[in-house]
Amino acid sequence: MIQNEDEIPAATGLDWPEIAVQLDREGWAVLPGLLSHAQCDAVSRLYGPTDMFRSQVHMARHGFGQGEYRYFAYPLPDVVQSLRTALYPRLAPIANRWHERMDMPVRFPVDHAAFLDRCHAAGQRRPTPLLLQYGPGDYNCLHQDLYGEHVFPLQVAVLLSQPGADFTGGELVLTEQRPRMQSRPIVVPLAKGDGVVFAVNQRPQRGSRGDYRVTMRHGVSRLRAGRRHVLGVIFHDAA
């Protein structure tokens, strides 16, 4: 397990200027090799019986799709805490620029702990990082991970399983709804250990008359075979 955020490639090794350009252009960007295969396997194994989760959700019971996921409890596992701590300061300037472009007054502190203090003061005290598990026939309906008044506009998902070897199907799907236009679907190509950062809700899009808001949702297509694990890293806590 990761003990130090400096061991995460996102802390130093990724091309963050290019990631920012991709996020501004498309609303998502791949973070290649965010975790090693050994780290992915270690996180996947956490899905067994353990007291490190605060709740479990069976998607079919709520009309969310098929499959299940578990929310981590505090204190978070080292790898999850390290990812949250390492990624947030890289994303906060992008989040602030997006809010400025969309004429939204909220700004985000550089330090993640300070942002969590804001969430907790508003009653959003439950941790939101989660571990998802899909089997044959499982899928996740299009949705947004909002959870309360205070929402950080970017989140990260890390694929912990190898497409084509551990599972088939089960692609991450994003949709983009622009004003007065039909939705645009996007399939995000990921390998084991890759992360993807994407818009939680809305993002700015440059138009001929200035910026306008684009609404995004995400989901997972039906798994045809195998088993798929994903780590979700959400930066705001839940009410």
C-alpha atoms as a PDB file:
ATOM      1  CA  MET A   1       0.000   0.000   0.000  1.00  0.00           C
ATOM      2  CA  ILE A   2       1.123   3.558  -0.666  1.00  0.00           C
ATOM      3  CA  GLN A   3       2.383   5.283   2.454  1.00  0.00           C
ATOM      4  CA  ASN A   4       3.480   8.599   0.941  1.00  0.00           C
ATOM      5  CA  GLU A   5       1.875  10.777  -1.699  1.00  0.00           C
ATOM      6  CA  ASP A   6       5.272  11.215  -3.367  1.00  0.00           C
ATOM      7  CA  GLU A   7       5.057   7.563  -4.386  1.00  0.00           C
ATOM      8  CA  ILE A   8       2.028   8.375  -6.555  1.00  0.00           C
ATOM      9  CA  PRO A   9       2.957   9.374 -10.129  1.00  0.00           C
ATOM     10  CA  ALA A  10       0.276  12.097 -10.005  1.00  0.00           C
ATOM     11  CA  ALA A  11       2.331  13.998  -7.427  1.00  0.00           C
ATOM     12  CA  THR A  12       5.221  14.657  -9.800  1.00  0.00           C
ATOM     13  CA  GLY A  13       5.209  12.548 -12.946  1.00  0.00           C
ATOM     14  CA  LEU A  14       2.182  13.565 -15.005  1.00  0.00           C
ATOM     15  CA  ASP A  15       1.931  16.347 -17.589  1.00  0.00           C
ATOM     16  CA  TRP A  16      -0.460  18.564 -15.667  1.00  0.00           C
ATOM     17  CA  PRO A  17      -0.468  21.464 -18.169  1.00  0.00           C
ATOM     18  CA  GLU A  18      -1.575  19.029 -20.886  1.00  0.00           C
ATOM     19  CA  ILE A  19      -4.126  17.444 -18.530  1.00  0.00           C
ATOM     20  CA  ALA A  20      -5.575  20.921 -17.890  1.00  0.00           C
ATOM     21  CA  VAL A  21      -5.828  21.538 -21.639  1.00  0.00           C
ATOM     22  CA  GLN A  22      -7.602  18.203 -22.139  1.00  0.00           C
ATOM     23  CA  LEU A  23     -10.015  18.924 -19.277  1.00  0.00           C
ATOM     24  CA  ASP A  24     -10.858  22.348 -20.729  1.00  0.00           C
ATOM     25  CA  ARG A  25     -11.390  20.854 -24.176  1.00  0.00           C
ATOM     26  CA  GLU A  26     -13.246  17.626 -23.337  1.00  0.00           C
ATOM     27  CA  GLY A  27     -14.186  17.624 -19.643  1.00  0.00           C
ATOM     28  CA  TRP A  28     -12.038  14.543 -18.940  1.00  0.00           C
ATOM     29  CA  ALA A  29      -8.401  13.420 -19.119  1.00  0.00           C
ATOM     30  CA  VAL A  30      -6.604  10.113 -18.603  1.00  0.00           C
ATOM     31  CA  LEU A  31      -3.983   9.876 -15.831  1.00  0.00           C
ATOM     32  CA  PRO A  32      -1.855   6.983 -17.168  1.00  0.00           C
ATOM     33  CA  GLY A  33      -0.241   4.585 -14.706  1.00  0.00           C
ATOM     34  CA  LEU A  34      -1.668   6.290 -11.658  1.00  0.00           C
ATOM     35  CA  LEU A  35      -1.301   3.048  -9.654  1.00  0.00           C
ATOM     36  CA  SER A  36       0.938   0.038 -10.283  1.00  0.00           C
ATOM     37  CA  HIS A  37      -0.615  -3.358 -11.006  1.00  0.00           C
ATOM     38  CA  ALA A  38       0.441  -4.541  -7.542  1.00  0.00           C
ATOM     39  CA  GLN A  39      -1.277  -1.545  -5.950  1.00  0.00           C
ATOM     40  CA  CYS A  40      -4.402  -2.196  -8.018  1.00  0.00           C
ATOM     41  CA  ASP A  41      -4.508  -5.810  -6.837  1.00  0.00           C
ATOM     42  CA  ALA A  42      -4.047  -4.744  -3.217  1.00  0.00           C
ATOM     43  CA  VAL A  43      -6.968  -2.291  -3.424  1.00  0.00           C
ATOM     44  CA  SER A  44      -9.194  -4.830  -5.202  1.00  0.00           C
ATOM     45  CA  ARG A  45      -8.603  -7.321  -2.386  1.00  0.00           C
ATOM     46  CA  LEU A  46     -10.035  -4.816   0.094  1.00  0.00           C
ATOM     47  CA  TYR A  47     -13.506  -5.661  -1.209  1.00  0.00           C
ATOM     48  CA  GLY A  48     -13.585  -8.777   0.972  1.00  0.00           C
ATOM     49  CA  PRO A  49     -14.936  -8.789   4.550  1.00  0.00           C
ATOM     50  CA  THR A  50     -13.471  -5.818   6.410  1.00  0.00           C
ATOM     51  CA  ASP A  51     -14.465  -3.005   8.760  1.00  0.00           C
ATOM     52  CA  MET A  52     -12.936  -0.272   6.583  1.00  0.00           C
ATOM     53  CA  PHE A  53     -16.233   0.458   4.784  1.00  0.00           C
ATOM     54  CA  ARG A  54     -19.129   2.520   6.170  1.00  0.00           C
ATOM     55  CA  SER A  55     -21.841   1.205   3.818  1.00  0.00           C
ATOM     56  CA  GLN A  56     -22.587  -1.061   0.859  1.00  0.00           C
ATOM     57  CA  VAL A  57     -24.968  -0.303  -2.014  1.00  0.00           C
ATOM     58  CA  HIS A  58     -26.601  -2.876  -4.277  1.00  0.00           C
ATOM     59  CA  MET A  59     -27.378  -0.844  -7.376  1.00  0.00           C
ATOM     60  CA  ALA A  60     -30.426  -2.854  -8.504  1.00  0.00           C
ATOM     61  CA  ARG A  61     -32.279  -2.059  -5.246  1.00  0.00           C
ATOM     62  CA  HIS A  62     -32.150   1.666  -6.031  1.00  0.00           C
ATOM     63  CA  GLY A  63     -32.552   1.580  -9.805  1.00  0.00           C
ATOM     64  CA  PHE A  64     -28.912   2.575 -10.295  1.00  0.00           C
ATOM     65  CA  GLY A  65     -28.055  -0.419 -12.507  1.00  0.00           C
ATOM     66  CA  GLN A  66     -26.584  -3.785 -11.484  1.00  0.00           C
ATOM     67  CA  GLY A  67     -23.496  -4.446  -9.396  1.00  0.00           C
ATOM     68  CA  GLU A  68     -22.449  -3.082  -6.044  1.00  0.00           C
ATOM     69  CA  TYR A  69     -20.117  -0.632  -4.360  1.00  0.00           C
ATOM     70  CA  ARG A  70     -18.867   0.183  -0.890  1.00  0.00           C
ATOM     71  CA  TYR A  71     -18.012   3.562   0.629  1.00  0.00           C
ATOM     72  CA  PHE A  72     -14.843   3.690   2.699  1.00  0.00           C
ATOM     73  CA  ALA A  73     -15.018   4.823   6.316  1.00  0.00           C
ATOM     74  CA  TYR A  74     -12.594   7.190   8.007  1.00  0.00           C
ATOM     75  CA  PRO A  75      -9.694   6.749   8.432  1.00  0.00           C
ATOM     76  CA  LEU A  76      -9.265   6.018   4.732  1.00  0.00           C
ATOM     77  CA  PRO A  77      -6.775   3.365   3.590  1.00  0.00           C
ATOM     78  CA  ASP A  78      -3.335   4.836   2.915  1.00  0.00           C
ATOM     79  CA  VAL A  79      -3.630   4.524  -0.858  1.00  0.00           C
ATOM     80  CA  VAL A  80      -6.991   6.309  -0.957  1.00  0.00           C
ATOM     81  CA  GLN A  81      -5.919   9.076   1.415  1.00  0.00           C
ATOM     82  CA  SER A  82      -2.686   9.576  -0.520  1.00  0.00           C
ATOM     83  CA  LEU A  83      -4.512   9.846  -3.838  1.00  0.00           C
ATOM     84  CA  ARG A  84      -6.965  12.376  -2.419  1.00  0.00           C
ATOM     85  CA  THR A  85      -4.184  14.444  -0.870  1.00  0.00           C
ATOM     86  CA  ALA A  86      -1.895  14.328  -3.923  1.00  0.00           C
ATOM     87  CA  LEU A  87      -4.489  14.985  -6.618  1.00  0.00           C
ATOM     88  CA  TYR A  88      -6.597  17.715  -5.029  1.00  0.00           C
ATOM     89  CA  PRO A  89      -3.945  20.513  -5.106  1.00  0.00           C
ATOM     90  CA  ARG A  90      -3.330  19.777  -8.801  1.00  0.00           C
ATOM     91  CA  LEU A  91      -7.039  20.038  -9.572  1.00  0.00           C
ATOM     92  CA  ALA A  92      -8.068  22.963  -7.346  1.00  0.00           C
ATOM     93  CA  PRO A  93      -6.650  25.659  -9.702  1.00  0.00           C
ATOM     94  CA  ILE A  94      -8.554  24.072 -12.600  1.00  0.00           C
ATOM     95  CA  ALA A  95     -11.732  23.945 -10.502  1.00  0.00           C
ATOM     96  CA  ASN A  96     -11.358  27.605  -9.565  1.00  0.00           C
ATOM     97  CA  ARG A  97     -10.800  28.606 -13.184  1.00  0.00           C
ATOM     98  CA  TRP A  98     -13.896  26.663 -14.237  1.00  0.00           C
ATOM     99  CA  HIS A  99     -16.029  28.355 -11.578  1.00  0.00           C
ATOM    100  CA  GLU A 100     -14.759  31.757 -12.653  1.00  0.00           C
ATOM    101  CA  ARG A 101     -15.619  31.021 -16.288  1.00  0.00           C
ATOM    102  CA  MET A 102     -19.108  29.824 -15.307  1.00  0.00           C
ATOM    103  CA  ASP A 103     -19.720  32.881 -13.062  1.00  0.00           C
ATOM    104  CA  MET A 104     -20.000  30.657  -9.993  1.00  0.00           C
ATOM    105  CA  PRO A 105     -18.897  32.462  -6.789  1.00  0.00           C
ATOM    106  CA  VAL A 106     -17.456  29.483  -4.869  1.00  0.00           C
ATOM    107  CA  ARG A 107     -13.655  29.109  -4.843  1.00  0.00           C
ATOM    108  CA  PHE A 108     -11.661  26.166  -3.496  1.00  0.00           C
ATOM    109  CA  PRO A 109      -8.675  26.285  -1.126  1.00  0.00           C
ATOM    110  CA  VAL A 110      -5.412  24.743  -2.293  1.00  0.00           C
ATOM    111  CA  ASP A 111      -5.301  22.411   0.713  1.00  0.00           C
ATOM    112  CA  HIS A 112      -7.758  19.498   0.697  1.00  0.00           C
ATOM    113  CA  ALA A 113      -8.055  19.435   4.486  1.00  0.00           C
ATOM    114  CA  ALA A 114      -9.309  23.034   4.396  1.00  0.00           C
ATOM    115  CA  PHE A 115     -11.959  22.076   1.841  1.00  0.00           C
ATOM    116  CA  LEU A 116     -13.063  19.124   3.972  1.00  0.00           C
ATOM    117  CA  ASP A 117     -13.387  21.495   6.943  1.00  0.00           C
ATOM    118  CA  ARG A 118     -15.853  23.479   4.826  1.00  0.00           C
ATOM    119  CA  CYS A 119     -17.799  20.322   3.978  1.00  0.00           C
ATOM    120  CA  HIS A 120     -17.867  19.115   7.579  1.00  0.00           C
ATOM    121  CA  ALA A 121     -19.013  22.506   8.902  1.00  0.00           C
ATOM    122  CA  ALA A 122     -22.013  22.228   6.552  1.00  0.00           C
ATOM    123  CA  GLY A 123     -22.878  18.726   7.803  1.00  0.00           C
ATOM    124  CA  GLN A 124     -21.160  16.822   4.977  1.00  0.00           C
ATOM    125  CA  ARG A 125     -19.066  14.523   7.170  1.00  0.00           C
ATOM    126  CA  ARG A 126     -19.342  11.078   5.531  1.00  0.00           C
ATOM    127  CA  PRO A 127     -16.389  10.039   3.325  1.00  0.00           C
ATOM    128  CA  THR A 128     -17.228   9.477  -0.340  1.00  0.00           C
ATOM    129  CA  PRO A 129     -14.277   7.477  -1.827  1.00  0.00           C
ATOM    130  CA  LEU A 130     -15.644   4.112  -2.895  1.00  0.00           C
ATOM    131  CA  LEU A 131     -14.730   0.718  -4.304  1.00  0.00           C
ATOM    132  CA  LEU A 132     -16.993  -0.671  -7.045  1.00  0.00           C
ATOM    133  CA  GLN A 133     -17.366  -4.296  -8.119  1.00  0.00           C
ATOM    134  CA  TYR A 134     -19.014  -5.510 -11.340  1.00  0.00           C
ATOM    135  CA  GLY A 135     -19.697  -9.064 -12.534  1.00  0.00           C
ATOM    136  CA  PRO A 136     -21.246 -10.462 -15.739  1.00  0.00           C
ATOM    137  CA  GLY A 137     -24.329  -8.486 -16.753  1.00  0.00           C
ATOM    138  CA  ASP A 138     -23.633  -5.615 -14.343  1.00  0.00           C
ATOM    139  CA  TYR A 139     -23.734  -1.952 -15.398  1.00  0.00           C
ATOM    140  CA  ASN A 140     -24.048   1.507 -13.889  1.00  0.00           C
ATOM    141  CA  CYS A 141     -26.673   3.999 -15.059  1.00  0.00           C
ATOM    142  CA  LEU A 142     -25.666   7.526 -15.997  1.00  0.00           C
ATOM    143  CA  HIS A 143     -25.423   9.697 -12.887  1.00  0.00           C
ATOM    144  CA  GLN A 144     -23.604  12.464 -11.019  1.00  0.00           C
ATOM    145  CA  ASP A 145     -21.883  12.154  -7.609  1.00  0.00           C
ATOM    146  CA  LEU A 146     -23.072  15.323  -5.866  1.00  0.00           C
ATOM    147  CA  TYR A 147     -23.891  14.383  -2.215  1.00  0.00           C
ATOM    148  CA  GLY A 148     -24.600  17.846  -0.816  1.00  0.00           C
ATOM    149  CA  GLU A 149     -24.298  21.626  -1.116  1.00  0.00           C
ATOM    150  CA  HIS A 150     -20.496  21.645  -1.343  1.00  0.00           C
ATOM    151  CA  VAL A 151     -19.318  19.903  -4.507  1.00  0.00           C
ATOM    152  CA  PHE A 152     -15.795  19.804  -5.883  1.00  0.00           C
ATOM    153  CA  PRO A 153     -16.326  19.874  -9.677  1.00  0.00           C
ATOM    154  CA  LEU A 154     -13.783  17.159 -10.577  1.00  0.00           C
ATOM    155  CA  GLN A 155     -13.414  13.528  -9.521  1.00  0.00           C
ATOM    156  CA  VAL A 156     -11.118  10.608 -10.357  1.00  0.00           C
ATOM    157  CA  ALA A 157     -11.767   6.932 -11.098  1.00  0.00           C
ATOM    158  CA  VAL A 158      -8.948   4.356 -11.209  1.00  0.00           C
ATOM    159  CA  LEU A 159      -9.436   1.092 -13.111  1.00  0.00           C
ATOM    160  CA  LEU A 160      -8.081  -1.751 -10.965  1.00  0.00           C
ATOM    161  CA  SER A 161      -8.698  -4.619 -13.446  1.00  0.00           C
ATOM    162  CA  GLN A 162      -7.254  -5.351 -16.896  1.00  0.00           C
ATOM    163  CA  PRO A 163      -9.669  -5.056 -19.859  1.00  0.00           C
ATOM    164  CA  GLY A 164      -9.638  -8.145 -22.047  1.00  0.00           C
ATOM    165  CA  ALA A 165      -7.955 -10.270 -19.385  1.00  0.00           C
ATOM    166  CA  ASP A 166      -9.986  -9.745 -16.204  1.00  0.00           C
ATOM    167  CA  PHE A 167     -13.200  -8.633 -17.920  1.00  0.00           C
ATOM    168  CA  THR A 168     -14.837  -7.719 -21.227  1.00  0.00           C
ATOM    169  CA  GLY A 169     -17.372  -4.963 -21.793  1.00  0.00           C
ATOM    170  CA  GLY A 170     -17.776  -2.601 -18.855  1.00  0.00           C
ATOM    171  CA  GLU A 171     -16.503   0.562 -20.558  1.00  0.00           C
ATOM    172  CA  LEU A 172     -16.605   3.886 -18.726  1.00  0.00           C
ATOM    173  CA  VAL A 173     -19.112   6.078 -20.556  1.00  0.00           C
ATOM    174  CA  LEU A 174     -19.462   9.853 -20.237  1.00  0.00           C
ATOM    175  CA  THR A 175     -22.231  11.949 -21.737  1.00  0.00           C
ATOM    176  CA  GLU A 176     -22.127  15.644 -22.470  1.00  0.00           C
ATOM    177  CA  GLN A 177     -25.284  17.737 -22.799  1.00  0.00           C
ATOM    178  CA  ARG A 178     -24.819  21.107 -24.457  1.00  0.00           C
ATOM    179  CA  PRO A 179     -27.671  23.645 -24.534  1.00  0.00           C
ATOM    180  CA  ARG A 180     -30.193  22.985 -27.318  1.00  0.00           C
ATOM    181  CA  MET A 181     -28.159  20.026 -28.602  1.00  0.00           C
ATOM    182  CA  GLN A 182     -28.454  16.250 -28.283  1.00  0.00           C
ATOM    183  CA  SER A 183     -26.201  14.473 -25.781  1.00  0.00           C
ATOM    184  CA  ARG A 184     -22.756  13.369 -26.946  1.00  0.00           C
ATOM    185  CA  PRO A 185     -21.504   9.956 -25.696  1.00  0.00           C
ATOM    186  CA  ILE A 186     -17.834   9.360 -24.898  1.00  0.00           C
ATOM    187  CA  VAL A 187     -16.166   6.015 -24.176  1.00  0.00           C
ATOM    188  CA  VAL A 188     -12.992   6.497 -22.111  1.00  0.00           C
ATOM    189  CA  PRO A 189     -10.129   4.092 -22.966  1.00  0.00           C
ATOM    190  CA  LEU A 190      -8.427   2.849 -19.788  1.00  0.00           C
ATOM    191  CA  ALA A 191      -5.898   0.140 -18.916  1.00  0.00           C
ATOM    192  CA  LYS A 192      -5.285  -1.376 -15.495  1.00  0.00           C
ATOM    193  CA  GLY A 193      -3.826   1.268 -13.188  1.00  0.00           C
ATOM    194  CA  ASP A 194      -4.956   4.228 -15.291  1.00  0.00           C
ATOM    195  CA  GLY A 195      -7.016   6.961 -13.723  1.00  0.00           C
ATOM    196  CA  VAL A 196      -9.419   9.341 -15.385  1.00  0.00           C
ATOM    197  CA  VAL A 197     -10.319  12.770 -14.043  1.00  0.00           C
ATOM    198  CA  PHE A 198     -13.659  14.135 -15.218  1.00  0.00           C
ATOM    199  CA  ALA A 199     -16.321  16.709 -14.481  1.00  0.00           C
ATOM    200  CA  VAL A 200     -18.738  15.815 -11.687  1.00  0.00           C
ATOM    201  CA  ASN A 201     -21.591  17.986 -12.927  1.00  0.00           C
ATOM    202  CA  GLN A 202     -20.960  21.020 -15.140  1.00  0.00           C
ATOM    203  CA  ARG A 203     -17.959  22.434 -16.929  1.00  0.00           C
ATOM    204  CA  PRO A 204     -17.366  25.536 -19.060  1.00  0.00           C
ATOM    205  CA  GLN A 205     -17.242  25.316 -22.845  1.00  0.00           C
ATOM    206  CA  ARG A 206     -15.950  28.132 -25.022  1.00  0.00           C
ATOM    207  CA  GLY A 207     -18.454  29.303 -27.617  1.00  0.00           C
ATOM    208  CA  SER A 208     -18.618  32.072 -30.201  1.00  0.00           C
ATOM    209  CA  ARG A 209     -20.284  34.335 -27.616  1.00  0.00           C
ATOM    210  CA  GLY A 210     -18.173  33.348 -24.641  1.00  0.00           C
ATOM    211  CA  ASP A 211     -18.361  30.498 -22.158  1.00  0.00           C
ATOM    212  CA  TYR A 212     -21.466  28.427 -21.542  1.00  0.00           C
ATOM    213  CA  ARG A 213     -22.166  25.455 -19.239  1.00  0.00           C
ATOM    214  CA  VAL A 214     -22.050  21.839 -20.348  1.00  0.00           C
ATOM    215  CA  THR A 215     -23.658  19.162 -18.139  1.00  0.00           C
ATOM    216  CA  MET A 216     -21.864  15.826 -17.855  1.00  0.00           C
ATOM    217  CA  ARG A 217     -22.872  12.418 -16.474  1.00  0.00           C
ATOM    218  CA  HIS A 218     -21.016   9.133 -16.227  1.00  0.00           C
ATOM    219  CA  GLY A 219     -21.822   5.427 -16.092  1.00  0.00           C
ATOM    220  CA  VAL A 220     -20.535   1.977 -17.057  1.00  0.00           C
ATOM    221  CA  SER A 221     -21.724  -0.189 -19.949  1.00  0.00           C
ATOM    222  CA  ARG A 222     -22.838  -3.769 -19.347  1.00  0.00           C
ATOM    223  CA  LEU A 223     -20.056  -6.196 -18.394  1.00  0.00           C
ATOM    224  CA  ARG A 224     -20.034  -9.199 -20.732  1.00  0.00           C
ATOM    225  CA  ALA A 225     -17.675 -11.446 -18.729  1.00  0.00           C
ATOM    226  CA  GLY A 226     -15.256 -11.467 -15.798  1.00  0.00           C
ATOM    227  CA  ARG A 227     -14.957  -9.099 -12.855  1.00  0.00           C
ATOM    228  CA  ARG A 228     -14.166  -5.397 -12.816  1.00  0.00           C
ATOM    229  CA  HIS A 229     -13.035  -3.306  -9.829  1.00  0.00           C
ATOM    230  CA  VAL A 230     -12.801   0.468  -9.793  1.00  0.00           C
ATOM    231  CA  LEU A 231     -11.634   2.925  -7.140  1.00  0.00           C
ATOM    232  CA  GLY A 232     -13.591   6.175  -7.066  1.00  0.00           C
ATOM    233  CA  VAL A 233     -11.887   9.220  -5.548  1.00  0.00           C
ATOM    234  CA  ILE A 234     -14.385  11.988  -4.800  1.00  0.00           C
ATOM    235  CA  PHE A 235     -13.067  15.070  -3.043  1.00  0.00           C
ATOM    236  CA  HIS A 236     -16.182  16.369  -1.241  1.00  0.00           C
ATOM    237  CA  ASP A 237     -17.815  14.456   1.601  1.00  0.00           C
ATOM    238  CA  ALA A 238     -21.497  13.559   1.883  1.00  0.00           C
ATOM    239  CA  ALA A 239     -24.310  14.861   4.068  1.00  0.00           C
END
